[in-house]
PDBML (XML) file of the C-alpha atoms, coordinates in Angstrom:
<?xml version="1.0" encoding="UTF-8" ?>
<PDBx:datablock datablockName="MODEL"
   xmlns:PDBx="http://pdbml.pdb.org/schema/pdbx-v50.xsd"
   xmlns:xsi="http://www.w3.org/2001/XMLSchema-instance"
   xsi:schemaLocation="http://pdbml.pdb.org/schema/pdbx-v50.xsd pdbx-v50.xsd">
   <PDBx:atom_siteCategory>
      <PDBx:atom_site id="1">
         <PDBx:B_iso_or_equiv>0.00</PDBx:B_iso_or_equiv>
         <PDBx:Cartn_x>-2.908</PDBx:Cartn_x>
         <PDBx:Cartn_y>5.999</PDBx:Cartn_y>
         <PDBx:Cartn_z>53.753</PDBx:Cartn_z>
         <PDBx:auth_asym_id>A</PDBx:auth_asym_id>
         <PDBx:auth_atom_id>CA</PDBx:auth_atom_id>
         <PDBx:auth_comp_id>LEU</PDBx:auth_comp_id>
         <PDBx:auth_seq_id>1</PDBx:auth_seq_id>
         <PDBx:group_PDB>ATOM</PDBx:group_PDB>
         <PDBx:label_alt_id xsi:nil="true" />
         <PDBx:label_asym_id>A</PDBx:label_asym_id>
         <PDBx:label_atom_id>CA</PDBx:label_atom_id>
         <PDBx:label_comp_id>LEU</PDBx:label_comp_id>
         <PDBx:label_entity_id>1</PDBx:label_entity_id>
         <PDBx:label_seq_id>1</PDBx:label_seq_id>
         <PDBx:occupancy>1.00</PDBx:occupancy>
         <PDBx:pdbx_PDB_model_num>1</PDBx:pdbx_PDB_model_num>
         <PDBx:type_symbol>C</PDBx:type_symbol>
      </PDBx:atom_site>
      <PDBx:atom_site id="2">
         <PDBx:B_iso_or_equiv>0.00</PDBx:B_iso_or_equiv>
         <PDBx:Cartn_x>-4.985</PDBx:Cartn_x>
         <PDBx:Cartn_y>4.215</PDBx:Cartn_y>
         <PDBx:Cartn_z>56.675</PDBx:Cartn_z>
         <PDBx:auth_asym_id>A</PDBx:auth_asym_id>
         <PDBx:auth_atom_id>CA</PDBx:auth_atom_id>
         <PDBx:auth_comp_id>ILE</PDBx:auth_comp_id>
         <PDBx:auth_seq_id>2</PDBx:auth_seq_id>
         <PDBx:group_PDB>ATOM</PDBx:group_PDB>
         <PDBx:label_alt_id xsi:nil="true" />
         <PDBx:label_asym_id>A</PDBx:label_asym_id>
         <PDBx:label_atom_id>CA</PDBx:label_atom_id>
         <PDBx:label_comp_id>ILE</PDBx:label_comp_id>
         <PDBx:label_entity_id>1</PDBx:label_entity_id>
         <PDBx:label_seq_id>2</PDBx:label_seq_id>
         <PDBx:occupancy>1.00</PDBx:occupancy>
         <PDBx:pdbx_PDB_model_num>1</PDBx:pdbx_PDB_model_num>
         <PDBx:type_symbol>C</PDBx:type_symbol>
      </PDBx:atom_site>
      <PDBx:atom_site id="3">
         <PDBx:B_iso_or_equiv>0.00</PDBx:B_iso_or_equiv>
         <PDBx:Cartn_x>-4.226</PDBx:Cartn_x>
         <PDBx:Cartn_y>6.084</PDBx:Cartn_y>
         <PDBx:Cartn_z>59.784</PDBx:Cartn_z>
         <PDBx:auth_asym_id>A</PDBx:auth_asym_id>
         <PDBx:auth_atom_id>CA</PDBx:auth_atom_id>
         <PDBx:auth_comp_id>PHE</PDBx:auth_comp_id>
         <PDBx:auth_seq_id>3</PDBx:auth_seq_id>
         <PDBx:group_PDB>ATOM</PDBx:group_PDB>
         <PDBx:label_alt_id xsi:nil="true" />
         <PDBx:label_asym_id>A</PDBx:label_asym_id>
         <PDBx:label_atom_id>CA</PDBx:label_atom_id>
         <PDBx:label_comp_id>PHE</PDBx:label_comp_id>
         <PDBx:label_entity_id>1</PDBx:label_entity_id>
         <PDBx:label_seq_id>3</PDBx:label_seq_id>
         <PDBx:occupancy>1.00</PDBx:occupancy>
         <PDBx:pdbx_PDB_model_num>1</PDBx:pdbx_PDB_model_num>
         <PDBx:type_symbol>C</PDBx:type_symbol>
      </PDBx:atom_site>
      <PDBx:atom_site id="4">
         <PDBx:B_iso_or_equiv>0.00</PDBx:B_iso_or_equiv>
         <PDBx:Cartn_x>-5.973</PDBx:Cartn_x>
         <PDBx:Cartn_y>4.581</PDBx:Cartn_y>
         <PDBx:Cartn_z>63.260</PDBx:Cartn_z>
         <PDBx:auth_asym_id>A</PDBx:auth_asym_id>
         <PDBx:auth_atom_id>CA</PDBx:auth_atom_id>
         <PDBx:auth_comp_id>LYS</PDBx:auth_comp_id>
         <PDBx:auth_seq_id>4</PDBx:auth_seq_id>
         <PDBx:group_PDB>ATOM</PDBx:group_PDB>
         <PDBx:label_alt_id xsi:nil="true" />
         <PDBx:label_asym_id>A</PDBx:label_asym_id>
         <PDBx:label_atom_id>CA</PDBx:label_atom_id>
         <PDBx:label_comp_id>LYS</PDBx:label_comp_id>
         <PDBx:label_entity_id>1</PDBx:label_entity_id>
         <PDBx:label_seq_id>4</PDBx:label_seq_id>
         <PDBx:occupancy>1.00</PDBx:occupancy>
         <PDBx:pdbx_PDB_model_num>1</PDBx:pdbx_PDB_model_num>
         <PDBx:type_symbol>C</PDBx:type_symbol>
      </PDBx:atom_site>
      <PDBx:atom_site id="5">
         <PDBx:B_iso_or_equiv>0.00</PDBx:B_iso_or_equiv>
         <PDBx:Cartn_x>-4.427</PDBx:Cartn_x>
         <PDBx:Cartn_y>4.008</PDBx:Cartn_y>
         <PDBx:Cartn_z>66.571</PDBx:Cartn_z>
         <PDBx:auth_asym_id>A</PDBx:auth_asym_id>
         <PDBx:auth_atom_id>CA</PDBx:auth_atom_id>
         <PDBx:auth_comp_id>VAL</PDBx:auth_comp_id>
         <PDBx:auth_seq_id>5</PDBx:auth_seq_id>
         <PDBx:group_PDB>ATOM</PDBx:group_PDB>
         <PDBx:label_alt_id xsi:nil="true" />
         <PDBx:label_asym_id>A</PDBx:label_asym_id>
         <PDBx:label_atom_id>CA</PDBx:label_atom_id>
         <PDBx:label_comp_id>VAL</PDBx:label_comp_id>
         <PDBx:label_entity_id>1</PDBx:label_entity_id>
         <PDBx:label_seq_id>5</PDBx:label_seq_id>
         <PDBx:occupancy>1.00</PDBx:occupancy>
         <PDBx:pdbx_PDB_model_num>1</PDBx:pdbx_PDB_model_num>
         <PDBx:type_symbol>C</PDBx:type_symbol>
      </PDBx:atom_site>
      <PDBx:atom_site id="6">
         <PDBx:B_iso_or_equiv>0.00</PDBx:B_iso_or_equiv>
         <PDBx:Cartn_x>-2.683</PDBx:Cartn_x>
         <PDBx:Cartn_y>1.342</PDBx:Cartn_y>
         <PDBx:Cartn_z>67.184</PDBx:Cartn_z>
         <PDBx:auth_asym_id>A</PDBx:auth_asym_id>
         <PDBx:auth_atom_id>CA</PDBx:auth_atom_id>
         <PDBx:auth_comp_id>HIS</PDBx:auth_comp_id>
         <PDBx:auth_seq_id>6</PDBx:auth_seq_id>
         <PDBx:group_PDB>ATOM</PDBx:group_PDB>
         <PDBx:label_alt_id xsi:nil="true" />
         <PDBx:label_asym_id>A</PDBx:label_asym_id>
         <PDBx:label_atom_id>CA</PDBx:label_atom_id>
         <PDBx:label_comp_id>HIS</PDBx:label_comp_id>
         <PDBx:label_entity_id>1</PDBx:label_entity_id>
         <PDBx:label_seq_id>6</PDBx:label_seq_id>
         <PDBx:occupancy>1.00</PDBx:occupancy>
         <PDBx:pdbx_PDB_model_num>1</PDBx:pdbx_PDB_model_num>
         <PDBx:type_symbol>C</PDBx:type_symbol>
      </PDBx:atom_site>
      <PDBx:atom_site id="7">
         <PDBx:B_iso_or_equiv>0.00</PDBx:B_iso_or_equiv>
         <PDBx:Cartn_x>-3.956</PDBx:Cartn_x>
         <PDBx:Cartn_y>-1.456</PDBx:Cartn_y>
         <PDBx:Cartn_z>69.847</PDBx:Cartn_z>
         <PDBx:auth_asym_id>A</PDBx:auth_asym_id>
         <PDBx:auth_atom_id>CA</PDBx:auth_atom_id>
         <PDBx:auth_comp_id>GLU</PDBx:auth_comp_id>
         <PDBx:auth_seq_id>7</PDBx:auth_seq_id>
         <PDBx:group_PDB>ATOM</PDBx:group_PDB>
         <PDBx:label_alt_id xsi:nil="true" />
         <PDBx:label_asym_id>A</PDBx:label_asym_id>
         <PDBx:label_atom_id>CA</PDBx:label_atom_id>
         <PDBx:label_comp_id>GLU</PDBx:label_comp_id>
         <PDBx:label_entity_id>1</PDBx:label_entity_id>
         <PDBx:label_seq_id>7</PDBx:label_seq_id>
         <PDBx:occupancy>1.00</PDBx:occupancy>
         <PDBx:pdbx_PDB_model_num>1</PDBx:pdbx_PDB_model_num>
         <PDBx:type_symbol>C</PDBx:type_symbol>
      </PDBx:atom_site>
      <PDBx:atom_site id="8">
         <PDBx:B_iso_or_equiv>0.00</PDBx:B_iso_or_equiv>
         <PDBx:Cartn_x>-1.159</PDBx:Cartn_x>
         <PDBx:Cartn_y>-3.234</PDBx:Cartn_y>
         <PDBx:Cartn_z>71.808</PDBx:Cartn_z>
         <PDBx:auth_asym_id>A</PDBx:auth_asym_id>
         <PDBx:auth_atom_id>CA</PDBx:auth_atom_id>
         <PDBx:auth_comp_id>LEU</PDBx:auth_comp_id>
         <PDBx:auth_seq_id>8</PDBx:auth_seq_id>
         <PDBx:group_PDB>ATOM</PDBx:group_PDB>
         <PDBx:label_alt_id xsi:nil="true" />
         <PDBx:label_asym_id>A</PDBx:label_asym_id>
         <PDBx:label_atom_id>CA</PDBx:label_atom_id>
         <PDBx:label_comp_id>LEU</PDBx:label_comp_id>
         <PDBx:label_entity_id>1</PDBx:label_entity_id>
         <PDBx:label_seq_id>8</PDBx:label_seq_id>
         <PDBx:occupancy>1.00</PDBx:occupancy>
         <PDBx:pdbx_PDB_model_num>1</PDBx:pdbx_PDB_model_num>
         <PDBx:type_symbol>C</PDBx:type_symbol>
      </PDBx:atom_site>
      <PDBx:atom_site id="9">
         <PDBx:B_iso_or_equiv>0.00</PDBx:B_iso_or_equiv>
         <PDBx:Cartn_x>-1.909</PDBx:Cartn_x>
         <PDBx:Cartn_y>-7.470</PDBx:Cartn_y>
         <PDBx:Cartn_z>70.956</PDBx:Cartn_z>
         <PDBx:auth_asym_id>A</PDBx:auth_asym_id>
         <PDBx:auth_atom_id>CA</PDBx:auth_atom_id>
         <PDBx:auth_comp_id>SER</PDBx:auth_comp_id>
         <PDBx:auth_seq_id>9</PDBx:auth_seq_id>
         <PDBx:group_PDB>ATOM</PDBx:group_PDB>
         <PDBx:label_alt_id xsi:nil="true" />
         <PDBx:label_asym_id>A</PDBx:label_asym_id>
         <PDBx:label_atom_id>CA</PDBx:label_atom_id>
         <PDBx:label_comp_id>SER</PDBx:label_comp_id>
         <PDBx:label_entity_id>1</PDBx:label_entity_id>
         <PDBx:label_seq_id>9</PDBx:label_seq_id>
         <PDBx:occupancy>1.00</PDBx:occupancy>
         <PDBx:pdbx_PDB_model_num>1</PDBx:pdbx_PDB_model_num>
         <PDBx:type_symbol>C</PDBx:type_symbol>
      </PDBx:atom_site>
      <PDBx:atom_site id="10">
         <PDBx:B_iso_or_equiv>0.00</PDBx:B_iso_or_equiv>
         <PDBx:Cartn_x>-0.728</PDBx:Cartn_x>
         <PDBx:Cartn_y>-9.723</PDBx:Cartn_y>
         <PDBx:Cartn_z>73.424</PDBx:Cartn_z>
         <PDBx:auth_asym_id>A</PDBx:auth_asym_id>
         <PDBx:auth_atom_id>CA</PDBx:auth_atom_id>
         <PDBx:auth_comp_id>ALA</PDBx:auth_comp_id>
         <PDBx:auth_seq_id>10</PDBx:auth_seq_id>
         <PDBx:group_PDB>ATOM</PDBx:group_PDB>
         <PDBx:label_alt_id xsi:nil="true" />
         <PDBx:label_asym_id>A</PDBx:label_asym_id>
         <PDBx:label_atom_id>CA</PDBx:label_atom_id>
         <PDBx:label_comp_id>ALA</PDBx:label_comp_id>
         <PDBx:label_entity_id>1</PDBx:label_entity_id>
         <PDBx:label_seq_id>10</PDBx:label_seq_id>
         <PDBx:occupancy>1.00</PDBx:occupancy>
         <PDBx:pdbx_PDB_model_num>1</PDBx:pdbx_PDB_model_num>
         <PDBx:type_symbol>C</PDBx:type_symbol>
      </PDBx:atom_site>
      <PDBx:atom_site id="11">
         <PDBx:B_iso_or_equiv>0.00</PDBx:B_iso_or_equiv>
         <PDBx:Cartn_x>2.663</PDBx:Cartn_x>
         <PDBx:Cartn_y>-10.391</PDBx:Cartn_y>
         <PDBx:Cartn_z>73.399</PDBx:Cartn_z>
         <PDBx:auth_asym_id>A</PDBx:auth_asym_id>
         <PDBx:auth_atom_id>CA</PDBx:auth_atom_id>
         <PDBx:auth_comp_id>ASN</PDBx:auth_comp_id>
         <PDBx:auth_seq_id>11</PDBx:auth_seq_id>
         <PDBx:group_PDB>ATOM</PDBx:group_PDB>
         <PDBx:label_alt_id xsi:nil="true" />
         <PDBx:label_asym_id>A</PDBx:label_asym_id>
         <PDBx:label_atom_id>CA</PDBx:label_atom_id>
         <PDBx:label_comp_id>ASN</PDBx:label_comp_id>
         <PDBx:label_entity_id>1</PDBx:label_entity_id>
         <PDBx:label_seq_id>11</PDBx:label_seq_id>
         <PDBx:occupancy>1.00</PDBx:occupancy>
         <PDBx:pdbx_PDB_model_num>1</PDBx:pdbx_PDB_model_num>
         <PDBx:type_symbol>C</PDBx:type_symbol>
      </PDBx:atom_site>
      <PDBx:atom_site id="12">
         <PDBx:B_iso_or_equiv>0.00</PDBx:B_iso_or_equiv>
         <PDBx:Cartn_x>2.215</PDBx:Cartn_x>
         <PDBx:Cartn_y>-14.516</PDBx:Cartn_y>
         <PDBx:Cartn_z>74.196</PDBx:Cartn_z>
         <PDBx:auth_asym_id>A</PDBx:auth_asym_id>
         <PDBx:auth_atom_id>CA</PDBx:auth_atom_id>
         <PDBx:auth_comp_id>SER</PDBx:auth_comp_id>
         <PDBx:auth_seq_id>12</PDBx:auth_seq_id>
         <PDBx:group_PDB>ATOM</PDBx:group_PDB>
         <PDBx:label_alt_id xsi:nil="true" />
         <PDBx:label_asym_id>A</PDBx:label_asym_id>
         <PDBx:label_atom_id>CA</PDBx:label_atom_id>
         <PDBx:label_comp_id>SER</PDBx:label_comp_id>
         <PDBx:label_entity_id>1</PDBx:label_entity_id>
         <PDBx:label_seq_id>12</PDBx:label_seq_id>
         <PDBx:occupancy>1.00</PDBx:occupancy>
         <PDBx:pdbx_PDB_model_num>1</PDBx:pdbx_PDB_model_num>
         <PDBx:type_symbol>C</PDBx:type_symbol>
      </PDBx:atom_site>
      <PDBx:atom_site id="13">
         <PDBx:B_iso_or_equiv>0.00</PDBx:B_iso_or_equiv>
         <PDBx:Cartn_x>0.109</PDBx:Cartn_x>
         <PDBx:Cartn_y>-16.819</PDBx:Cartn_y>
         <PDBx:Cartn_z>72.562</PDBx:Cartn_z>
         <PDBx:auth_asym_id>A</PDBx:auth_asym_id>
         <PDBx:auth_atom_id>CA</PDBx:auth_atom_id>
         <PDBx:auth_comp_id>LEU</PDBx:auth_comp_id>
         <PDBx:auth_seq_id>13</PDBx:auth_seq_id>
         <PDBx:group_PDB>ATOM</PDBx:group_PDB>
         <PDBx:label_alt_id xsi:nil="true" />
         <PDBx:label_asym_id>A</PDBx:label_asym_id>
         <PDBx:label_atom_id>CA</PDBx:label_atom_id>
         <PDBx:label_comp_id>LEU</PDBx:label_comp_id>
         <PDBx:label_entity_id>1</PDBx:label_entity_id>
         <PDBx:label_seq_id>13</PDBx:label_seq_id>
         <PDBx:occupancy>1.00</PDBx:occupancy>
         <PDBx:pdbx_PDB_model_num>1</PDBx:pdbx_PDB_model_num>
         <PDBx:type_symbol>C</PDBx:type_symbol>
      </PDBx:atom_site>
      <PDBx:atom_site id="14">
         <PDBx:B_iso_or_equiv>0.00</PDBx:B_iso_or_equiv>
         <PDBx:Cartn_x>-1.028</PDBx:Cartn_x>
         <PDBx:Cartn_y>-20.413</PDBx:Cartn_y>
         <PDBx:Cartn_z>71.141</PDBx:Cartn_z>
         <PDBx:auth_asym_id>A</PDBx:auth_asym_id>
         <PDBx:auth_atom_id>CA</PDBx:auth_atom_id>
         <PDBx:auth_comp_id>SER</PDBx:auth_comp_id>
         <PDBx:auth_seq_id>14</PDBx:auth_seq_id>
         <PDBx:group_PDB>ATOM</PDBx:group_PDB>
         <PDBx:label_alt_id xsi:nil="true" />
         <PDBx:label_asym_id>A</PDBx:label_asym_id>
         <PDBx:label_atom_id>CA</PDBx:label_atom_id>
         <PDBx:label_comp_id>SER</PDBx:label_comp_id>
         <PDBx:label_entity_id>1</PDBx:label_entity_id>
         <PDBx:label_seq_id>14</PDBx:label_seq_id>
         <PDBx:occupancy>1.00</PDBx:occupancy>
         <PDBx:pdbx_PDB_model_num>1</PDBx:pdbx_PDB_model_num>
         <PDBx:type_symbol>C</PDBx:type_symbol>
      </PDBx:atom_site>
      <PDBx:atom_site id="15">
         <PDBx:B_iso_or_equiv>0.00</PDBx:B_iso_or_equiv>
         <PDBx:Cartn_x>0.025</PDBx:Cartn_x>
         <PDBx:Cartn_y>-21.823</PDBx:Cartn_y>
         <PDBx:Cartn_z>67.670</PDBx:Cartn_z>
         <PDBx:auth_asym_id>A</PDBx:auth_asym_id>
         <PDBx:auth_atom_id>CA</PDBx:auth_atom_id>
         <PDBx:auth_comp_id>LEU</PDBx:auth_comp_id>
         <PDBx:auth_seq_id>15</PDBx:auth_seq_id>
         <PDBx:group_PDB>ATOM</PDBx:group_PDB>
         <PDBx:label_alt_id xsi:nil="true" />
         <PDBx:label_asym_id>A</PDBx:label_asym_id>
         <PDBx:label_atom_id>CA</PDBx:label_atom_id>
         <PDBx:label_comp_id>LEU</PDBx:label_comp_id>
         <PDBx:label_entity_id>1</PDBx:label_entity_id>
         <PDBx:label_seq_id>15</PDBx:label_seq_id>
         <PDBx:occupancy>1.00</PDBx:occupancy>
         <PDBx:pdbx_PDB_model_num>1</PDBx:pdbx_PDB_model_num>
         <PDBx:type_symbol>C</PDBx:type_symbol>
      </PDBx:atom_site>
      <PDBx:atom_site id="16">
         <PDBx:B_iso_or_equiv>0.00</PDBx:B_iso_or_equiv>
         <PDBx:Cartn_x>-1.321</PDBx:Cartn_x>
         <PDBx:Cartn_y>-25.086</PDBx:Cartn_y>
         <PDBx:Cartn_z>65.242</PDBx:Cartn_z>
         <PDBx:auth_asym_id>A</PDBx:auth_asym_id>
         <PDBx:auth_atom_id>CA</PDBx:auth_atom_id>
         <PDBx:auth_comp_id>THR</PDBx:auth_comp_id>
         <PDBx:auth_seq_id>16</PDBx:auth_seq_id>
         <PDBx:group_PDB>ATOM</PDBx:group_PDB>
         <PDBx:label_alt_id xsi:nil="true" />
         <PDBx:label_asym_id>A</PDBx:label_asym_id>
         <PDBx:label_atom_id>CA</PDBx:label_atom_id>
         <PDBx:label_comp_id>THR</PDBx:label_comp_id>
         <PDBx:label_entity_id>1</PDBx:label_entity_id>
         <PDBx:label_seq_id>16</PDBx:label_seq_id>
         <PDBx:occupancy>1.00</PDBx:occupancy>
         <PDBx:pdbx_PDB_model_num>1</PDBx:pdbx_PDB_model_num>
         <PDBx:type_symbol>C</PDBx:type_symbol>
      </PDBx:atom_site>
      <PDBx:atom_site id="17">
         <PDBx:B_iso_or_equiv>0.00</PDBx:B_iso_or_equiv>
         <PDBx:Cartn_x>-0.851</PDBx:Cartn_x>
         <PDBx:Cartn_y>-26.335</PDBx:Cartn_y>
         <PDBx:Cartn_z>62.308</PDBx:Cartn_z>
         <PDBx:auth_asym_id>A</PDBx:auth_asym_id>
         <PDBx:auth_atom_id>CA</PDBx:auth_atom_id>
         <PDBx:auth_comp_id>SER</PDBx:auth_comp_id>
         <PDBx:auth_seq_id>17</PDBx:auth_seq_id>
         <PDBx:group_PDB>ATOM</PDBx:group_PDB>
         <PDBx:label_alt_id xsi:nil="true" />
         <PDBx:label_asym_id>A</PDBx:label_asym_id>
         <PDBx:label_atom_id>CA</PDBx:label_atom_id>
         <PDBx:label_comp_id>SER</PDBx:label_comp_id>
         <PDBx:label_entity_id>1</PDBx:label_entity_id>
         <PDBx:label_seq_id>17</PDBx:label_seq_id>
         <PDBx:occupancy>1.00</PDBx:occupancy>
         <PDBx:pdbx_PDB_model_num>1</PDBx:pdbx_PDB_model_num>
         <PDBx:type_symbol>C</PDBx:type_symbol>
      </PDBx:atom_site>
      <PDBx:atom_site id="18">
         <PDBx:B_iso_or_equiv>0.00</PDBx:B_iso_or_equiv>
         <PDBx:Cartn_x>-2.859</PDBx:Cartn_x>
         <PDBx:Cartn_y>-25.627</PDBx:Cartn_y>
         <PDBx:Cartn_z>59.126</PDBx:Cartn_z>
         <PDBx:auth_asym_id>A</PDBx:auth_asym_id>
         <PDBx:auth_atom_id>CA</PDBx:auth_atom_id>
         <PDBx:auth_comp_id>GLY</PDBx:auth_comp_id>
         <PDBx:auth_seq_id>18</PDBx:auth_seq_id>
         <PDBx:group_PDB>ATOM</PDBx:group_PDB>
         <PDBx:label_alt_id xsi:nil="true" />
         <PDBx:label_asym_id>A</PDBx:label_asym_id>
         <PDBx:label_atom_id>CA</PDBx:label_atom_id>
         <PDBx:label_comp_id>GLY</PDBx:label_comp_id>
         <PDBx:label_entity_id>1</PDBx:label_entity_id>
         <PDBx:label_seq_id>18</PDBx:label_seq_id>
         <PDBx:occupancy>1.00</PDBx:occupancy>
         <PDBx:pdbx_PDB_model_num>1</PDBx:pdbx_PDB_model_num>
         <PDBx:type_symbol>C</PDBx:type_symbol>
      </PDBx:atom_site>
      <PDBx:atom_site id="19">
         <PDBx:B_iso_or_equiv>0.00</PDBx:B_iso_or_equiv>
         <PDBx:Cartn_x>-3.612</PDBx:Cartn_x>
         <PDBx:Cartn_y>-27.292</PDBx:Cartn_y>
         <PDBx:Cartn_z>56.172</PDBx:Cartn_z>
         <PDBx:auth_asym_id>A</PDBx:auth_asym_id>
         <PDBx:auth_atom_id>CA</PDBx:auth_atom_id>
         <PDBx:auth_comp_id>PHE</PDBx:auth_comp_id>
         <PDBx:auth_seq_id>19</PDBx:auth_seq_id>
         <PDBx:group_PDB>ATOM</PDBx:group_PDB>
         <PDBx:label_alt_id xsi:nil="true" />
         <PDBx:label_asym_id>A</PDBx:label_asym_id>
         <PDBx:label_atom_id>CA</PDBx:label_atom_id>
         <PDBx:label_comp_id>PHE</PDBx:label_comp_id>
         <PDBx:label_entity_id>1</PDBx:label_entity_id>
         <PDBx:label_seq_id>19</PDBx:label_seq_id>
         <PDBx:occupancy>1.00</PDBx:occupancy>
         <PDBx:pdbx_PDB_model_num>1</PDBx:pdbx_PDB_model_num>
         <PDBx:type_symbol>C</PDBx:type_symbol>
      </PDBx:atom_site>
      <PDBx:atom_site id="20">
         <PDBx:B_iso_or_equiv>0.00</PDBx:B_iso_or_equiv>
         <PDBx:Cartn_x>-3.043</PDBx:Cartn_x>
         <PDBx:Cartn_y>-25.119</PDBx:Cartn_y>
         <PDBx:Cartn_z>53.705</PDBx:Cartn_z>
         <PDBx:auth_asym_id>A</PDBx:auth_asym_id>
         <PDBx:auth_atom_id>CA</PDBx:auth_atom_id>
         <PDBx:auth_comp_id>GLN</PDBx:auth_comp_id>
         <PDBx:auth_seq_id>20</PDBx:auth_seq_id>
         <PDBx:group_PDB>ATOM</PDBx:group_PDB>
         <PDBx:label_alt_id xsi:nil="true" />
         <PDBx:label_asym_id>A</PDBx:label_asym_id>
         <PDBx:label_atom_id>CA</PDBx:label_atom_id>
         <PDBx:label_comp_id>GLN</PDBx:label_comp_id>
         <PDBx:label_entity_id>1</PDBx:label_entity_id>
         <PDBx:label_seq_id>20</PDBx:label_seq_id>
         <PDBx:occupancy>1.00</PDBx:occupancy>
         <PDBx:pdbx_PDB_model_num>1</PDBx:pdbx_PDB_model_num>
         <PDBx:type_symbol>C</PDBx:type_symbol>
      </PDBx:atom_site>
      <PDBx:atom_site id="21">
         <PDBx:B_iso_or_equiv>0.00</PDBx:B_iso_or_equiv>
         <PDBx:Cartn_x>-0.156</PDBx:Cartn_x>
         <PDBx:Cartn_y>-26.005</PDBx:Cartn_y>
         <PDBx:Cartn_z>51.872</PDBx:Cartn_z>
         <PDBx:auth_asym_id>A</PDBx:auth_asym_id>
         <PDBx:auth_atom_id>CA</PDBx:auth_atom_id>
         <PDBx:auth_comp_id>ILE</PDBx:auth_comp_id>
         <PDBx:auth_seq_id>21</PDBx:auth_seq_id>
         <PDBx:group_PDB>ATOM</PDBx:group_PDB>
         <PDBx:label_alt_id xsi:nil="true" />
         <PDBx:label_asym_id>A</PDBx:label_asym_id>
         <PDBx:label_atom_id>CA</PDBx:label_atom_id>
         <PDBx:label_comp_id>ILE</PDBx:label_comp_id>
         <PDBx:label_entity_id>1</PDBx:label_entity_id>
         <PDBx:label_seq_id>21</PDBx:label_seq_id>
         <PDBx:occupancy>1.00</PDBx:occupancy>
         <PDBx:pdbx_PDB_model_num>1</PDBx:pdbx_PDB_model_num>
         <PDBx:type_symbol>C</PDBx:type_symbol>
      </PDBx:atom_site>
      <PDBx:atom_site id="22">
         <PDBx:B_iso_or_equiv>0.00</PDBx:B_iso_or_equiv>
         <PDBx:Cartn_x>2.037</PDBx:Cartn_x>
         <PDBx:Cartn_y>-23.322</PDBx:Cartn_y>
         <PDBx:Cartn_z>50.612</PDBx:Cartn_z>
         <PDBx:auth_asym_id>A</PDBx:auth_asym_id>
         <PDBx:auth_atom_id>CA</PDBx:auth_atom_id>
         <PDBx:auth_comp_id>LYS</PDBx:auth_comp_id>
         <PDBx:auth_seq_id>22</PDBx:auth_seq_id>
         <PDBx:group_PDB>ATOM</PDBx:group_PDB>
         <PDBx:label_alt_id xsi:nil="true" />
         <PDBx:label_asym_id>A</PDBx:label_asym_id>
         <PDBx:label_atom_id>CA</PDBx:label_atom_id>
         <PDBx:label_comp_id>LYS</PDBx:label_comp_id>
         <PDBx:label_entity_id>1</PDBx:label_entity_id>
         <PDBx:label_seq_id>22</PDBx:label_seq_id>
         <PDBx:occupancy>1.00</PDBx:occupancy>
         <PDBx:pdbx_PDB_model_num>1</PDBx:pdbx_PDB_model_num>
         <PDBx:type_symbol>C</PDBx:type_symbol>
      </PDBx:atom_site>
      <PDBx:atom_site id="23">
         <PDBx:B_iso_or_equiv>0.00</PDBx:B_iso_or_equiv>
         <PDBx:Cartn_x>3.572</PDBx:Cartn_x>
         <PDBx:Cartn_y>-23.790</PDBx:Cartn_y>
         <PDBx:Cartn_z>46.972</PDBx:Cartn_z>
         <PDBx:auth_asym_id>A</PDBx:auth_asym_id>
         <PDBx:auth_atom_id>CA</PDBx:auth_atom_id>
         <PDBx:auth_comp_id>THR</PDBx:auth_comp_id>
         <PDBx:auth_seq_id>23</PDBx:auth_seq_id>
         <PDBx:group_PDB>ATOM</PDBx:group_PDB>
         <PDBx:label_alt_id xsi:nil="true" />
         <PDBx:label_asym_id>A</PDBx:label_asym_id>
         <PDBx:label_atom_id>CA</PDBx:label_atom_id>
         <PDBx:label_comp_id>THR</PDBx:label_comp_id>
         <PDBx:label_entity_id>1</PDBx:label_entity_id>
         <PDBx:label_seq_id>23</PDBx:label_seq_id>
         <PDBx:occupancy>1.00</PDBx:occupancy>
         <PDBx:pdbx_PDB_model_num>1</PDBx:pdbx_PDB_model_num>
         <PDBx:type_symbol>C</PDBx:type_symbol>
      </PDBx:atom_site>
      <PDBx:atom_site id="24">
         <PDBx:B_iso_or_equiv>0.00</PDBx:B_iso_or_equiv>
         <PDBx:Cartn_x>5.866</PDBx:Cartn_x>
         <PDBx:Cartn_y>-22.058</PDBx:Cartn_y>
         <PDBx:Cartn_z>44.575</PDBx:Cartn_z>
         <PDBx:auth_asym_id>A</PDBx:auth_asym_id>
         <PDBx:auth_atom_id>CA</PDBx:auth_atom_id>
         <PDBx:auth_comp_id>PRO</PDBx:auth_comp_id>
         <PDBx:auth_seq_id>24</PDBx:auth_seq_id>
         <PDBx:group_PDB>ATOM</PDBx:group_PDB>
         <PDBx:label_alt_id xsi:nil="true" />
         <PDBx:label_asym_id>A</PDBx:label_asym_id>
         <PDBx:label_atom_id>CA</PDBx:label_atom_id>
         <PDBx:label_comp_id>PRO</PDBx:label_comp_id>
         <PDBx:label_entity_id>1</PDBx:label_entity_id>
         <PDBx:label_seq_id>24</PDBx:label_seq_id>
         <PDBx:occupancy>1.00</PDBx:occupancy>
         <PDBx:pdbx_PDB_model_num>1</PDBx:pdbx_PDB_model_num>
         <PDBx:type_symbol>C</PDBx:type_symbol>
      </PDBx:atom_site>
   </PDBx:atom_siteCategory>
</PDBx:datablock>
């Protein structure tokens, strides 16, 4: 178990496409 104080994350962010292709 890891317990630590929760840190807030920004609720708005930018996104881009990755190069990694996921396979089944």
